[in-house]
C-alpha atoms as a PDB file:
ATOM      1  CA  MET A   1     -15.941 -11.946 -12.977  1.00  0.00           C
ATOM      2  CA  ILE A   2     -16.709  -9.215 -15.248  1.00  0.00           C
ATOM      3  CA  LYS A   3     -16.308  -6.698 -12.664  1.00  0.00           C
ATOM      4  CA  GLN A   4     -12.905  -8.266 -11.669  1.00  0.00           C
ATOM      5  CA  LEU A   5     -11.351  -8.518 -14.961  1.00  0.00           C
ATOM      6  CA  ALA A   6     -12.257  -4.822 -15.409  1.00  0.00           C
ATOM      7  CA  THR A   7     -10.618  -3.760 -12.034  1.00  0.00           C
ATOM      8  CA  LYS A   8      -7.592  -5.745 -12.977  1.00  0.00           C
ATOM      9  CA  PHE A   9      -7.588  -4.219 -16.736  1.00  0.00           C
ATOM     10  CA  LEU A  10      -7.950  -0.728 -14.996  1.00  0.00           C
ATOM     11  CA  VAL A  11      -5.073  -1.704 -12.509  1.00  0.00           C
ATOM     12  CA  LEU A  12      -2.710  -2.816 -15.337  1.00  0.00           C
ATOM     13  CA  THR A  13      -3.448   0.271 -17.607  1.00  0.00           C
ATOM     14  CA  VAL A  14      -2.720   2.553 -14.619  1.00  0.00           C
ATOM     15  CA  VAL A  15       0.643   0.441 -13.890  1.00  0.00           C
ATOM     16  CA  THR A  16       1.390   0.799 -17.532  1.00  0.00           C
ATOM     17  CA  ALA A  17       0.671   4.807 -17.911  1.00  0.00           C
ATOM     18  CA  GLY A  18       2.882   5.137 -14.934  1.00  0.00           C
ATOM     19  CA  LEU A  19       5.779   3.370 -16.605  1.00  0.00           C
ATOM     20  CA  ALA A  20       5.156   4.931 -19.941  1.00  0.00           C
ATOM     21  CA  GLY A  21       4.340   8.556 -18.284  1.00  0.00           C
ATOM     22  CA  CYS A  22       7.780   8.959 -17.196  1.00  0.00           C
ATOM     23  CA  GLU A  23       7.818  10.808 -20.583  1.00  0.00           C
ATOM     24  CA  ALA A  24       4.800  11.842 -22.696  1.00  0.00           C
ATOM     25  CA  GLY A  25       5.435   9.067 -24.878  1.00  0.00           C
ATOM     26  CA  ALA A  26       3.760   6.023 -26.000  1.00  0.00           C
ATOM     27  CA  ILE A  27       4.406   2.280 -23.641  1.00  0.00           C
ATOM     28  CA  SER A  28       7.847   2.266 -25.576  1.00  0.00           C
ATOM     29  CA  GLU A  29       9.232   5.530 -24.006  1.00  0.00           C
ATOM     30  CA  GLY A  30       8.512   3.289 -20.553  1.00  0.00           C
ATOM     31  CA  ALA A  31      10.407   0.502 -21.712  1.00  0.00           C
ATOM     32  CA  ASN A  32      13.103   2.947 -22.731  1.00  0.00           C
ATOM     33  CA  PHE A  33      13.503   4.398 -19.602  1.00  0.00           C
ATOM     34  CA  GLN A  34      13.665   1.423 -17.830  1.00  0.00           C
ATOM     35  CA  LYS A  35      16.673  -0.151 -20.320  1.00  0.00           C
ATOM     36  CA  LYS A  36      18.322   3.417 -19.455  1.00  0.00           C
ATOM     37  CA  TYR A  37      17.382   2.644 -16.093  1.00  0.00           C
ATOM     38  CA  SER A  38      18.994  -0.525 -15.812  1.00  0.00           C
ATOM     39  CA  GLY A  39      21.969   0.613 -17.413  1.00  0.00           C
ATOM     40  CA  ALA A  40      22.629   3.314 -15.011  1.00  0.00           C
ATOM     41  CA  ARG A  41      22.059   0.870 -12.165  1.00  0.00           C
ATOM     42  CA  LYS A  42      24.865  -1.905 -13.618  1.00  0.00           C
ATOM     43  CA  ALA A  43      27.239   0.758 -13.961  1.00  0.00           C
ATOM     44  CA  LEU A  44      26.945   2.017 -10.543  1.00  0.00           C
ATOM     45  CA  GLU A  45      27.030  -1.430  -9.195  1.00  0.00           C
ATOM     46  CA  GLU A  46      29.922  -2.405 -11.502  1.00  0.00           C
ATOM     47  CA  GLY A  47      31.743   0.467 -10.001  1.00  0.00           C
ATOM     48  CA  ASN A  48      31.832   2.670 -13.207  1.00  0.00           C
ATOM     49  CA  TYR A  49      30.601   5.458 -11.096  1.00  0.00           C
ATOM     50  CA  ASP A  50      31.506   8.363 -13.574  1.00  0.00           C
ATOM     51  CA  LEU A  51      29.276   6.386 -16.459  1.00  0.00           C
ATOM     52  CA  ALA A  52      26.419   5.910 -13.746  1.00  0.00           C
ATOM     53  CA  ALA A  53      26.522   9.514 -13.079  1.00  0.00           C
ATOM     54  CA  ARG A  54      26.098  10.861 -16.150  1.00  0.00           C
ATOM     55  CA  ASN A  55      23.404   7.750 -17.074  1.00  0.00           C
ATOM     56  CA  TYR A  56      21.539   8.975 -13.773  1.00  0.00           C
ATOM     57  CA  ALA A  57      21.658  12.943 -14.559  1.00  0.00           C
ATOM     58  CA  ALA A  58      19.919  11.906 -17.975  1.00  0.00           C
ATOM     59  CA  LEU A  59      17.519  10.128 -16.620  1.00  0.00           C
ATOM     60  CA  ILE A  60      16.651  12.193 -14.015  1.00  0.00           C
ATOM     61  CA  PRO A  61      14.346  15.100 -16.192  1.00  0.00           C
ATOM     62  CA  SER A  62      12.101  12.648 -17.430  1.00  0.00           C
ATOM     63  CA  SER A  63      11.854  10.304 -14.395  1.00  0.00           C
ATOM     64  CA  GLY A  64       8.469  11.941 -13.230  1.00  0.00           C
ATOM     65  CA  PRO A  65       7.468  10.445  -9.887  1.00  0.00           C
ATOM     66  CA  LEU A  66      10.752   8.203  -9.409  1.00  0.00           C
ATOM     67  CA  ALA A  67      12.616  11.063  -9.358  1.00  0.00           C
ATOM     68  CA  PRO A  68      13.617  11.281  -5.950  1.00  0.00           C
ATOM     69  CA  ARG A  69      14.799   7.936  -5.849  1.00  0.00           C
ATOM     70  CA  LEU A  70      17.059   8.594  -9.089  1.00  0.00           C
ATOM     71  CA  ARG A  71      18.336  11.741  -7.513  1.00  0.00           C
ATOM     72  CA  LEU A  72      19.527   9.554  -4.506  1.00  0.00           C
ATOM     73  CA  GLU A  73      21.450   7.318  -6.726  1.00  0.00           C
ATOM     74  CA  TYR A  74      22.802  10.043  -8.723  1.00  0.00           C
ATOM     75  CA  ALA A  75      24.140  11.589  -5.861  1.00  0.00           C
ATOM     76  CA  HIS A  76      25.500   7.927  -4.982  1.00  0.00           C
ATOM     77  CA  ALA A  77      26.864   7.607  -7.790  1.00  0.00           C
ATOM     78  CA  LEU A  78      28.863  11.313  -7.564  1.00  0.00           C
ATOM     79  CA  LEU A  79      30.013  10.003  -3.921  1.00  0.00           C
ATOM     80  CA  ARG A  80      31.246   6.884  -4.924  1.00  0.00           C
ATOM     81  CA  ALA A  81      33.198   8.864  -8.310  1.00  0.00           C
ATOM     82  CA  GLY A  82      34.731  11.183  -5.448  1.00  0.00           C
ATOM     83  CA  ARG A  83      32.709  14.143  -6.819  1.00  0.00           C
ATOM     84  CA  ASN A  84      32.225  14.931  -2.748  1.00  0.00           C
ATOM     85  CA  ASP A  85      31.212  18.472  -3.047  1.00  0.00           C
ATOM     86  CA  GLU A  86      28.453  17.847  -6.268  1.00  0.00           C
ATOM     87  CA  ALA A  87      27.318  14.853  -3.911  1.00  0.00           C
ATOM     88  CA  ALA A  88      26.761  16.520  -0.800  1.00  0.00           C
ATOM     89  CA  GLN A  89      24.823  19.715  -3.155  1.00  0.00           C
ATOM     90  CA  VAL A  90      22.373  17.137  -4.538  1.00  0.00           C
ATOM     91  CA  ALA A  91      21.906  15.052  -1.609  1.00  0.00           C
ATOM     92  CA  GLY A  92      21.310  18.125   0.399  1.00  0.00           C
ATOM     93  CA  LYS A  93      18.722  19.476  -1.825  1.00  0.00           C
ATOM     94  CA  LEU A  94      17.047  16.205  -2.043  1.00  0.00           C
ATOM     95  CA  ALA A  95      16.956  16.135   1.955  1.00  0.00           C
ATOM     96  CA  SER A  96      15.275  19.303   1.714  1.00  0.00           C
ATOM     97  CA  GLU A  97      12.146  18.398  -0.394  1.00  0.00           C
ATOM     98  CA  VAL A  98      11.546  14.799   1.135  1.00  0.00           C
ATOM     99  CA  GLU A  99      10.472  13.627   4.395  1.00  0.00           C
ATOM    100  CA  GLY A 100      11.060  10.681   6.653  1.00  0.00           C
ATOM    101  CA  GLY A 101      13.117   7.301   5.183  1.00  0.00           C
ATOM    102  CA  ASN A 102      14.013   9.102   1.899  1.00  0.00           C
ATOM    103  CA  ARG A 103      15.243  12.107   3.921  1.00  0.00           C
ATOM    104  CA  ALA A 104      17.300   9.981   6.193  1.00  0.00           C
ATOM    105  CA  ALA A 105      18.788   8.438   3.197  1.00  0.00           C
ATOM    106  CA  ALA A 106      19.304  11.694   1.592  1.00  0.00           C
ATOM    107  CA  LEU A 107      20.995  13.037   4.526  1.00  0.00           C
ATOM    108  CA  GLY A 108      23.163  10.084   4.688  1.00  0.00           C
ATOM    109  CA  VAL A 109      24.657  10.700   1.407  1.00  0.00           C
ATOM    110  CA  GLU A 110      25.166  14.361   2.235  1.00  0.00           C
ATOM    111  CA  GLY A 111      26.545  13.578   5.575  1.00  0.00           C
ATOM    112  CA  THR A 112      29.230  11.331   4.134  1.00  0.00           C
ATOM    113  CA  ALA A 113      29.899  13.513   1.644  1.00  0.00           C
ATOM    114  CA  LEU A 114      30.494  16.344   3.127  1.00  0.00           C
ATOM    115  CA  HIS A 115      32.849  14.366   5.643  1.00  0.00           C
ATOM    116  CA  GLU A 116      34.537  12.946   2.267  1.00  0.00           C
ATOM    117  CA  SER A 117      35.370  16.451   1.213  1.00  0.00           C
ATOM    118  CA  ALA A 118      36.485  17.621   4.264  1.00  0.00           C
ATOM    119  CA  LEU A 119      38.958  14.705   4.592  1.00  0.00           C
ATOM    120  CA  ALA A 120      40.414  15.510   0.917  1.00  0.00           C
ATOM    121  CA  ASP A 121      40.566  18.744   1.949  1.00  0.00           C
ATOM    122  CA  MET A 122      42.681  18.239   4.972  1.00  0.00           C
ATOM    123  CA  GLN A 123      44.695  15.981   3.105  1.00  0.00           C
ATOM    124  CA  ALA A 124      45.864  18.463   0.753  1.00  0.00           C
ATOM    125  CA  GLY A 125      47.043  21.002   3.462  1.00  0.00           C
ATOM    126  CA  ARG A 126      44.054  23.173   3.857  1.00  0.00           C
ATOM    127  CA  SER A 127      42.156  23.854   7.227  1.00  0.00           C
ATOM    128  CA  GLY A 128      40.280  26.306   8.291  1.00  0.00           C
ATOM    129  CA  ALA A 129      36.500  27.755   8.491  1.00  0.00           C
ATOM    130  CA  GLU A 130      35.875  26.445   5.556  1.00  0.00           C
ATOM    131  CA  VAL A 131      36.797  22.858   6.160  1.00  0.00           C
ATOM    132  CA  THR A 132      35.548  22.940   9.911  1.00  0.00           C
ATOM    133  CA  ALA A 133      32.230  24.058   8.456  1.00  0.00           C
ATOM    134  CA  LYS A 134      32.025  21.210   6.466  1.00  0.00           C
ATOM    135  CA  LEU A 135      32.666  18.734   9.193  1.00  0.00           C
ATOM    136  CA  ARG A 136      29.882  20.382  11.296  1.00  0.00           C
ATOM    137  CA  ARG A 137      27.479  19.882   8.190  1.00  0.00           C
ATOM    138  CA  ALA A 138      28.463  16.613   7.823  1.00  0.00           C
ATOM    139  CA  ASP A 139      27.772  15.692  11.537  1.00  0.00           C
ATOM    140  CA  ALA A 140      24.572  17.542  11.872  1.00  0.00           C
ATOM    141  CA  ALA A 141      23.468  15.385   8.369  1.00  0.00           C
ATOM    142  CA  LEU A 142      24.554  12.389   9.843  1.00  0.00           C
ATOM    143  CA  SER A 143      23.051  12.909  13.258  1.00  0.00           C
ATOM    144  CA  GLU A 144      19.534  13.834  11.752  1.00  0.00           C
ATOM    145  CA  MET A 145      20.053  10.769   9.708  1.00  0.00           C
ATOM    146  CA  LEU A 146      20.020   8.417  12.792  1.00  0.00           C
ATOM    147  CA  THR A 147      17.517  10.263  14.287  1.00  0.00           C
ATOM    148  CA  LEU A 148      15.262   9.571  11.629  1.00  0.00           C
ATOM    149  CA  ASP A 149      15.969   6.219  10.743  1.00  0.00           C
ATOM    150  CA  ALA A 150      18.775   4.413  13.058  1.00  0.00           C
ATOM    151  CA  ALA A 151      17.777   1.270  10.772  1.00  0.00           C
ATOM    152  CA  LEU A 152      19.955   2.754   7.831  1.00  0.00           C
ATOM    153  CA  ASP A 153      23.028   2.191  10.128  1.00  0.00           C
ATOM    154  CA  PRO A 154      22.906  -1.158  11.394  1.00  0.00           C
ATOM    155  CA  LEU A 155      26.635  -1.975  11.444  1.00  0.00           C
ATOM    156  CA  GLY A 156      27.241   1.330  13.101  1.00  0.00           C
ATOM    157  CA  ALA A 157      29.154   3.161   9.773  1.00  0.00           C
ATOM    158  CA  MET A 158      27.620   6.170  10.494  1.00  0.00           C
ATOM    159  CA  GLN A 159      28.273   6.242  13.977  1.00  0.00           C
ATOM    160  CA  SER A 160      31.833   5.942  13.748  1.00  0.00           C
ATOM    161  CA  ARG A 161      31.950   8.542  11.160  1.00  0.00           C
ATOM    162  CA  ARG A 162      30.263  11.001  13.686  1.00  0.00           C
ATOM    163  CA  ALA A 163      33.058   9.880  16.388  1.00  0.00           C
ATOM    164  CA  GLU A 164      36.062  10.713  13.593  1.00  0.00           C
ATOM    165  CA  ILE A 165      34.281  13.885  12.837  1.00  0.00           C
ATOM    166  CA  ALA A 166      34.238  14.702  16.563  1.00  0.00           C
ATOM    167  CA  ARG A 167      37.550  13.812  16.692  1.00  0.00           C
ATOM    168  CA  SER A 168      38.638  15.834  13.697  1.00  0.00           C
ATOM    169  CA  LEU A 169      36.580  19.072  15.620  1.00  0.00           C
ATOM    170  CA  GLY A 170      38.890  18.269  18.288  1.00  0.00           C
ATOM    171  CA  HIS A 171      35.573  16.739  20.799  1.00  0.00           C
ATOM    172  CA  GLY A 172      36.616  13.263  21.150  1.00  0.00           C
END
């Protein structure tokens, strides 16, 4: 009985320290981090994308082991805010640093952001090598995402995006 209580206490201590360890401060810092994260997440869910991006950017330096998740949410907020080139850069860097499902998710954001950036360029009358390069990079990112974790595209939106990219490149 005492051994079980000691084990539970140790687990609780480790979990609490992990939450507080986002910054080198006390448990209140962990609670403060959680509050700030909840605010960023709420802003994202409510469509206040610029605020969400600012909040995530402020949280990332003190996020410790949660950094990859927050960087993905940050990239997503940038994408939703129409800051496609920034979103592609953040997601691409993250994709280069993680593996598996996390890489697939980052590649999905990167590919989508690159495609949206290329579409904005074309709508503004720009064309040429830079737009073609963005489309090819978008297609490569989405292709790898689907190879790594096709379950991230249950309704076929990324596959449809790839078909649209192929048409834009003159392949479809």
